[in-house]
Amino acid sequence: MKIQKNSIARNLSELRRMNKFSQEEVAEKIGVSRQAVAKWEAGVSRS
């Protein structure tokens, strides 16, 4: 499961940067806090 979490975190971060979105912009688009996006990208959020 850890490999999958790291992959999701890496993909989210890479796709966000490729599309030139800030963490705050992503958060607003999906209805979560910026802190949640940061945790997802760091792979430290709880399920």
C-alpha atoms as a PDB file:
ATOM      1  CA  MET A   1       0.000   0.000   0.000  1.00  0.00           C
ATOM      2  CA  LYS A   2       2.888   2.395   0.709  1.00  0.00           C
ATOM      3  CA  ILE A   3       4.070   2.176  -2.912  1.00  0.00           C
ATOM      4  CA  GLN A   4       0.603   3.156  -4.121  1.00  0.00           C
ATOM      5  CA  LYS A   5       0.463   6.141  -1.739  1.00  0.00           C
ATOM      6  CA  ASN A   6       3.860   7.371  -2.915  1.00  0.00           C
ATOM      7  CA  SER A   7       2.750   6.993  -6.519  1.00  0.00           C
ATOM      8  CA  ILE A   8      -0.435   8.985  -5.914  1.00  0.00           C
ATOM      9  CA  ALA A   9       1.489  11.705  -4.084  1.00  0.00           C
ATOM     10  CA  ARG A  10       4.067  11.927  -6.863  1.00  0.00           C
ATOM     11  CA  ASN A  11       1.427  11.963  -9.610  1.00  0.00           C
ATOM     12  CA  LEU A  12      -0.655  14.649  -7.919  1.00  0.00           C
ATOM     13  CA  SER A  13       2.360  16.876  -7.423  1.00  0.00           C
ATOM     14  CA  GLU A  14       3.671  16.364 -10.944  1.00  0.00           C
ATOM     15  CA  LEU A  15       0.305  16.902 -12.633  1.00  0.00           C
ATOM     16  CA  ARG A  16      -0.383  20.003 -10.555  1.00  0.00           C
ATOM     17  CA  ARG A  17       2.953  21.526 -11.551  1.00  0.00           C
ATOM     18  CA  MET A  18       2.597  20.544 -15.209  1.00  0.00           C
ATOM     19  CA  ASN A  19      -0.739  22.380 -15.303  1.00  0.00           C
ATOM     20  CA  LYS A  20       0.697  25.340 -13.385  1.00  0.00           C
ATOM     21  CA  PHE A  21      -1.813  25.113 -10.539  1.00  0.00           C
ATOM     22  CA  SER A  22      -0.996  26.114  -7.007  1.00  0.00           C
ATOM     23  CA  GLN A  23      -1.979  23.828  -4.166  1.00  0.00           C
ATOM     24  CA  GLU A  24      -4.626  26.389  -3.263  1.00  0.00           C
ATOM     25  CA  GLU A  25      -6.112  26.330  -6.770  1.00  0.00           C
ATOM     26  CA  VAL A  26      -6.345  22.537  -6.726  1.00  0.00           C
ATOM     27  CA  ALA A  27      -7.917  22.642  -3.280  1.00  0.00           C
ATOM     28  CA  GLU A  28     -10.543  25.171  -4.379  1.00  0.00           C
ATOM     29  CA  LYS A  29     -11.420  23.146  -7.482  1.00  0.00           C
ATOM     30  CA  ILE A  30     -12.056  19.955  -5.504  1.00  0.00           C
ATOM     31  CA  GLY A  31     -13.444  21.490  -2.323  1.00  0.00           C
ATOM     32  CA  VAL A  32     -10.733  20.708   0.220  1.00  0.00           C
ATOM     33  CA  SER A  33      -8.193  22.760   2.148  1.00  0.00           C
ATOM     34  CA  ARG A  34      -4.774  23.665   0.792  1.00  0.00           C
ATOM     35  CA  GLN A  35      -3.310  21.803   3.740  1.00  0.00           C
ATOM     36  CA  ALA A  36      -5.071  18.615   2.594  1.00  0.00           C
ATOM     37  CA  VAL A  37      -3.486  18.898  -0.852  1.00  0.00           C
ATOM     38  CA  ALA A  38      -0.068  19.492   0.720  1.00  0.00           C
ATOM     39  CA  LYS A  39      -0.467  16.391   2.901  1.00  0.00           C
ATOM     40  CA  TRP A  40      -1.577  14.292  -0.067  1.00  0.00           C
ATOM     41  CA  GLU A  41       1.459  15.390  -2.049  1.00  0.00           C
ATOM     42  CA  ALA A  42       3.706  14.593   0.902  1.00  0.00           C
ATOM     43  CA  GLY A  43       2.022  11.201   1.282  1.00  0.00           C
ATOM     44  CA  VAL A  44       1.216  11.790   4.944  1.00  0.00           C
ATOM     45  CA  SER A  45      -2.578  12.093   5.024  1.00  0.00           C
ATOM     46  CA  ARG A  46      -4.718   9.550   6.807  1.00  0.00           C
ATOM     47  CA  SER A  47      -7.312   7.470   4.972  1.00  0.00           C
END
